[in-house]
Amino acid sequence: MATYVILYKYTEQGIKNIKDAPKRVEAAKKAAAQAGITIKETLWLQGEYDFLAITEAPDEYAATAFGINVLKQGNLHSHTMRAFTLAEITKILEHVA
């Protein structure tokens, strides 16, 4: 499973409906599970981004499709980053000259 860190910013619509944010996260967790994705953690933030999610997906296609489905709702903008475990980065570094 590939790990992703996704940084989110609320849109104007998302801010207007901010009290529904916990319900939206719970709905996203259920939808993610149906797509074979695990939302491991969600954290709300102070600063440039409003919250983040740490997810695991079977591949980039599933991760990207799920991300698009989340964004289609109009509450968020996102910045997604692939994250690597120690074991994964060690394997990657074996190919570095």
C-alpha atoms as a PDB file:
ATOM      1  CA  MET A   1       0.000   0.000   0.000  1.00  0.00           C
ATOM      2  CA  ALA A   2       1.231   3.472  -0.859  1.00  0.00           C
ATOM      3  CA  THR A   3       1.045   6.189   1.782  1.00  0.00           C
ATOM      4  CA  TYR A   4      -0.090   9.720   0.997  1.00  0.00           C
ATOM      5  CA  VAL A   5      -0.145  12.910   3.056  1.00  0.00           C
ATOM      6  CA  ILE A   6      -2.845  15.265   1.830  1.00  0.00           C
ATOM      7  CA  LEU A   7      -2.967  18.891   2.922  1.00  0.00           C
ATOM      8  CA  TYR A   8      -6.359  20.568   2.645  1.00  0.00           C
ATOM      9  CA  LYS A   9      -7.648  24.136   2.568  1.00  0.00           C
ATOM     10  CA  TYR A  10     -11.328  24.890   2.908  1.00  0.00           C
ATOM     11  CA  THR A  11     -13.092  26.634   0.058  1.00  0.00           C
ATOM     12  CA  GLU A  12     -15.608  29.395   0.792  1.00  0.00           C
ATOM     13  CA  GLN A  13     -18.317  26.717   0.689  1.00  0.00           C
ATOM     14  CA  GLY A  14     -16.351  24.519   3.089  1.00  0.00           C
ATOM     15  CA  ILE A  15     -15.973  27.376   5.578  1.00  0.00           C
ATOM     16  CA  LYS A  16     -19.678  28.233   5.379  1.00  0.00           C
ATOM     17  CA  ASN A  17     -20.455  24.619   6.332  1.00  0.00           C
ATOM     18  CA  ILE A  18     -17.554  24.142   8.750  1.00  0.00           C
ATOM     19  CA  LYS A  19     -19.748  22.611  11.459  1.00  0.00           C
ATOM     20  CA  ASP A  20     -20.386  19.690   9.110  1.00  0.00           C
ATOM     21  CA  ALA A  21     -16.656  18.966   8.769  1.00  0.00           C
ATOM     22  CA  PRO A  22     -16.591  16.044  11.248  1.00  0.00           C
ATOM     23  CA  LYS A  23     -19.551  14.417   9.472  1.00  0.00           C
ATOM     24  CA  ARG A  24     -17.865  14.913   6.100  1.00  0.00           C
ATOM     25  CA  VAL A  25     -14.681  13.248   7.377  1.00  0.00           C
ATOM     26  CA  GLU A  26     -16.653  10.261   8.660  1.00  0.00           C
ATOM     27  CA  ALA A  27     -18.431   9.979   5.295  1.00  0.00           C
ATOM     28  CA  ALA A  28     -15.061  10.203   3.525  1.00  0.00           C
ATOM     29  CA  LYS A  29     -13.664   7.390   5.693  1.00  0.00           C
ATOM     30  CA  LYS A  30     -16.577   5.136   4.702  1.00  0.00           C
ATOM     31  CA  ALA A  31     -16.248   6.029   1.001  1.00  0.00           C
ATOM     32  CA  ALA A  32     -12.486   5.483   1.177  1.00  0.00           C
ATOM     33  CA  ALA A  33     -12.930   2.039   2.708  1.00  0.00           C
ATOM     34  CA  GLN A  34     -15.288   1.094  -0.131  1.00  0.00           C
ATOM     35  CA  ALA A  35     -12.549   2.149  -2.581  1.00  0.00           C
ATOM     36  CA  GLY A  36      -9.911   0.058  -0.790  1.00  0.00           C
ATOM     37  CA  ILE A  37      -8.313   3.126   0.819  1.00  0.00           C
ATOM     38  CA  THR A  38      -7.625   3.644   4.510  1.00  0.00           C
ATOM     39  CA  ILE A  39      -7.705   7.098   6.057  1.00  0.00           C
ATOM     40  CA  LYS A  40      -5.279   6.479   8.903  1.00  0.00           C
ATOM     41  CA  GLU A  41      -5.410   9.931  10.489  1.00  0.00           C
ATOM     42  CA  THR A  42      -7.005  13.331  10.114  1.00  0.00           C
ATOM     43  CA  LEU A  43      -5.647  16.362  11.944  1.00  0.00           C
ATOM     44  CA  TRP A  44      -6.853  19.958  11.893  1.00  0.00           C
ATOM     45  CA  LEU A  45      -4.097  22.531  11.599  1.00  0.00           C
ATOM     46  CA  GLN A  46      -3.214  26.125  12.346  1.00  0.00           C
ATOM     47  CA  GLY A  47      -1.396  27.970   9.598  1.00  0.00           C
ATOM     48  CA  GLU A  48      -1.426  27.782   5.816  1.00  0.00           C
ATOM     49  CA  TYR A  49      -3.502  24.568   5.635  1.00  0.00           C
ATOM     50  CA  ASP A  50      -6.701  23.777   7.511  1.00  0.00           C
ATOM     51  CA  PHE A  51      -6.289  20.030   7.980  1.00  0.00           C
ATOM     52  CA  LEU A  52      -4.448  16.987   6.737  1.00  0.00           C
ATOM     53  CA  ALA A  53      -5.132  13.349   6.106  1.00  0.00           C
ATOM     54  CA  ILE A  54      -2.730  10.444   6.083  1.00  0.00           C
ATOM     55  CA  THR A  55      -4.015   7.702   3.810  1.00  0.00           C
ATOM     56  CA  GLU A  56      -3.000   4.352   2.397  1.00  0.00           C
ATOM     57  CA  ALA A  57      -4.115   3.361  -1.081  1.00  0.00           C
ATOM     58  CA  PRO A  58      -3.407   0.279  -3.191  1.00  0.00           C
ATOM     59  CA  ASP A  59      -2.087   2.424  -6.059  1.00  0.00           C
ATOM     60  CA  GLU A  60      -1.980   5.950  -7.471  1.00  0.00           C
ATOM     61  CA  TYR A  61      -5.078   5.370  -9.603  1.00  0.00           C
ATOM     62  CA  ALA A  62      -7.253   4.595  -6.589  1.00  0.00           C
ATOM     63  CA  ALA A  63      -5.707   7.457  -4.603  1.00  0.00           C
ATOM     64  CA  THR A  64      -6.191   9.968  -7.413  1.00  0.00           C
ATOM     65  CA  ALA A  65      -9.765   8.909  -8.218  1.00  0.00           C
ATOM     66  CA  PHE A  66     -10.714   9.106  -4.553  1.00  0.00           C
ATOM     67  CA  GLY A  67      -9.091  12.536  -4.268  1.00  0.00           C
ATOM     68  CA  ILE A  68     -11.028  13.823  -7.257  1.00  0.00           C
ATOM     69  CA  ASN A  69     -14.276  12.514  -5.783  1.00  0.00           C
ATOM     70  CA  VAL A  70     -13.559  14.380  -2.551  1.00  0.00           C
ATOM     71  CA  LEU A  71     -12.746  17.625  -4.388  1.00  0.00           C
ATOM     72  CA  LYS A  72     -15.872  17.390  -6.559  1.00  0.00           C
ATOM     73  CA  GLN A  73     -17.947  18.149  -3.467  1.00  0.00           C
ATOM     74  CA  GLY A  74     -16.591  21.704  -3.514  1.00  0.00           C
ATOM     75  CA  ASN A  75     -15.545  22.039   0.129  1.00  0.00           C
ATOM     76  CA  LEU A  76     -11.784  21.679  -0.261  1.00  0.00           C
ATOM     77  CA  HIS A  77      -8.632  22.331  -2.220  1.00  0.00           C
ATOM     78  CA  SER A  78      -5.814  19.836  -1.724  1.00  0.00           C
ATOM     79  CA  HIS A  79      -2.103  19.222  -2.071  1.00  0.00           C
ATOM     80  CA  THR A  80      -1.186  15.529  -2.154  1.00  0.00           C
ATOM     81  CA  MET A  81       2.265  14.140  -1.448  1.00  0.00           C
ATOM     82  CA  ARG A  82       3.442  10.541  -1.715  1.00  0.00           C
ATOM     83  CA  ALA A  83       5.096   9.544   1.543  1.00  0.00           C
ATOM     84  CA  PHE A  84       7.665   6.783   2.013  1.00  0.00           C
ATOM     85  CA  THR A  85       8.358   4.556   4.996  1.00  0.00           C
ATOM     86  CA  LEU A  86      11.899   3.883   6.177  1.00  0.00           C
ATOM     87  CA  ALA A  87      11.844   0.504   4.409  1.00  0.00           C
ATOM     88  CA  GLU A  88      10.650   2.092   1.152  1.00  0.00           C
ATOM     89  CA  ILE A  89      13.211   4.903   1.151  1.00  0.00           C
ATOM     90  CA  THR A  90      15.967   2.402   1.971  1.00  0.00           C
ATOM     91  CA  LYS A  91      14.979   0.382  -1.098  1.00  0.00           C
ATOM     92  CA  ILE A  92      14.879   3.544  -3.230  1.00  0.00           C
ATOM     93  CA  LEU A  93      18.326   4.598  -2.020  1.00  0.00           C
ATOM     94  CA  GLU A  94      19.763   1.269  -3.142  1.00  0.00           C
ATOM     95  CA  HIS A  95      19.351   2.599  -6.703  1.00  0.00           C
ATOM     96  CA  VAL A  96      21.130   5.894  -6.025  1.00  0.00           C
ATOM     97  CA  ALA A  97      24.644   6.034  -7.434  1.00  0.00           C
END
